[in-house]
Amino acid sequence: MAQFNILINLGKADLDDYSLLARTLRKLGFSETKAAQVAGDFRLLPASYRYSSEVEDMTAVRDKALRSAKSVSAKAVVLVSEV
């Protein structure tokens, strides 16, 4: 099973936009990542997700995430890496 990390930037977006994005992606099987501790602080990018699939490749996962992100903001950018 392939595992993917997904980072999404919505451009000039507010917290409500990121909340809408999170709800949309959860319905598609994406899960939000946990915050990492850095020198006593917890830091998390606004839209950081994980996704697993037995049949989808990185391009398919990117396209799925990008469609969801573009439904929230036309300036959305998606970065996907396979773990």
Protein backbone atom coordinates (compact mmCIF):
# COMPACT_ATOMS: atom_id res chain seq x y z
CA MET A 1 0.00 0.00 0.00
CA ALA A 2 1.38 3.40 -0.97
CA GLN A 3 1.49 6.17 1.63
CA PHE A 4 1.48 9.84 0.67
CA ASN A 5 2.12 13.17 2.40
CA ILE A 6 0.16 16.10 1.01
CA LEU A 7 0.76 19.80 1.68
CA ILE A 8 -1.75 22.35 0.44
CA ASN A 9 -1.48 26.12 0.33
CA LEU A 10 -4.66 27.99 -0.53
CA GLY A 11 -2.98 31.33 -1.17
CA LYS A 12 -4.77 34.20 0.51
CA ALA A 13 -7.18 32.12 2.55
CA ASP A 14 -8.53 32.27 6.06
CA LEU A 15 -9.13 29.63 8.70
CA ASP A 16 -12.69 29.00 7.42
CA ASP A 17 -11.30 28.13 3.99
CA TYR A 18 -8.87 25.64 5.50
CA SER A 19 -11.67 24.15 7.63
CA LEU A 20 -13.80 23.67 4.51
CA LEU A 21 -10.84 22.05 2.77
CA ALA A 22 -10.28 19.69 5.72
CA ARG A 23 -13.93 18.58 5.73
CA THR A 24 -13.84 17.97 1.98
CA LEU A 25 -10.62 15.95 2.11
CA ARG A 26 -11.75 13.85 5.10
CA LYS A 27 -14.75 12.71 3.03
CA LEU A 28 -12.27 11.50 0.39
CA GLY A 29 -10.16 9.49 2.86
CA PHE A 30 -7.41 12.01 3.64
CA SER A 31 -6.38 12.42 7.28
CA GLU A 32 -4.78 15.48 8.84
CA THR A 33 -1.28 15.04 10.20
CA LYS A 34 -0.38 15.70 13.81
CA ALA A 35 1.65 18.69 14.92
CA ALA A 36 5.38 18.25 15.33
CA GLN A 37 7.23 19.57 18.36
CA VAL A 38 10.04 21.95 17.46
CA ALA A 39 12.05 23.36 20.39
CA GLY A 40 9.09 23.37 22.75
CA ASP A 41 6.64 24.73 20.15
CA PHE A 42 4.08 22.72 18.23
CA ARG A 43 3.98 23.64 14.57
CA LEU A 44 1.74 22.38 11.82
CA LEU A 45 1.23 23.66 8.32
CA PRO A 46 -2.37 24.80 7.78
CA ALA A 47 -3.12 21.94 5.39
CA SER A 48 -0.94 18.89 5.94
CA TYR A 49 -2.47 15.48 5.22
CA ARG A 50 -1.72 11.78 4.80
CA TYR A 51 -3.34 9.43 2.33
CA SER A 52 -3.02 5.69 1.67
CA SER A 53 -4.01 3.80 -1.45
CA GLU A 54 -3.46 0.40 -2.96
CA VAL A 55 -4.41 1.49 -6.48
CA GLU A 56 -3.75 5.23 -6.84
CA ASP A 57 -0.35 6.62 -7.77
CA MET A 58 1.11 9.99 -6.80
CA THR A 59 -0.41 11.75 -9.80
CA ALA A 60 -3.91 10.49 -9.00
CA VAL A 61 -3.57 11.54 -5.36
CA ARG A 62 -2.28 14.98 -6.40
CA ASP A 63 -5.18 15.44 -8.82
CA LYS A 64 -7.73 14.42 -6.18
CA ALA A 65 -6.26 16.83 -3.62
CA LEU A 66 -5.91 19.63 -6.17
CA ARG A 67 -9.54 19.35 -7.30
CA SER A 68 -10.66 19.68 -3.68
CA ALA A 69 -8.30 22.57 -3.00
CA LYS A 70 -9.35 24.43 -6.18
CA SER A 71 -12.98 24.12 -5.09
CA VAL A 72 -12.01 26.30 -2.11
CA SER A 73 -9.44 28.62 -3.71
CA ALA A 74 -8.47 29.09 -7.35
CA LYS A 75 -4.91 29.89 -6.22
CA ALA A 76 -4.40 26.57 -4.44
CA VAL A 77 -1.07 24.75 -4.75
CA VAL A 78 -0.57 21.08 -3.85
CA LEU A 79 2.64 19.20 -3.08
CA VAL A 80 2.54 15.40 -2.80
CA SER A 81 5.35 13.06 -1.77
CA GLU A 82 5.30 9.28 -1.47
CA VAL A 83 6.55 7.93 1.83
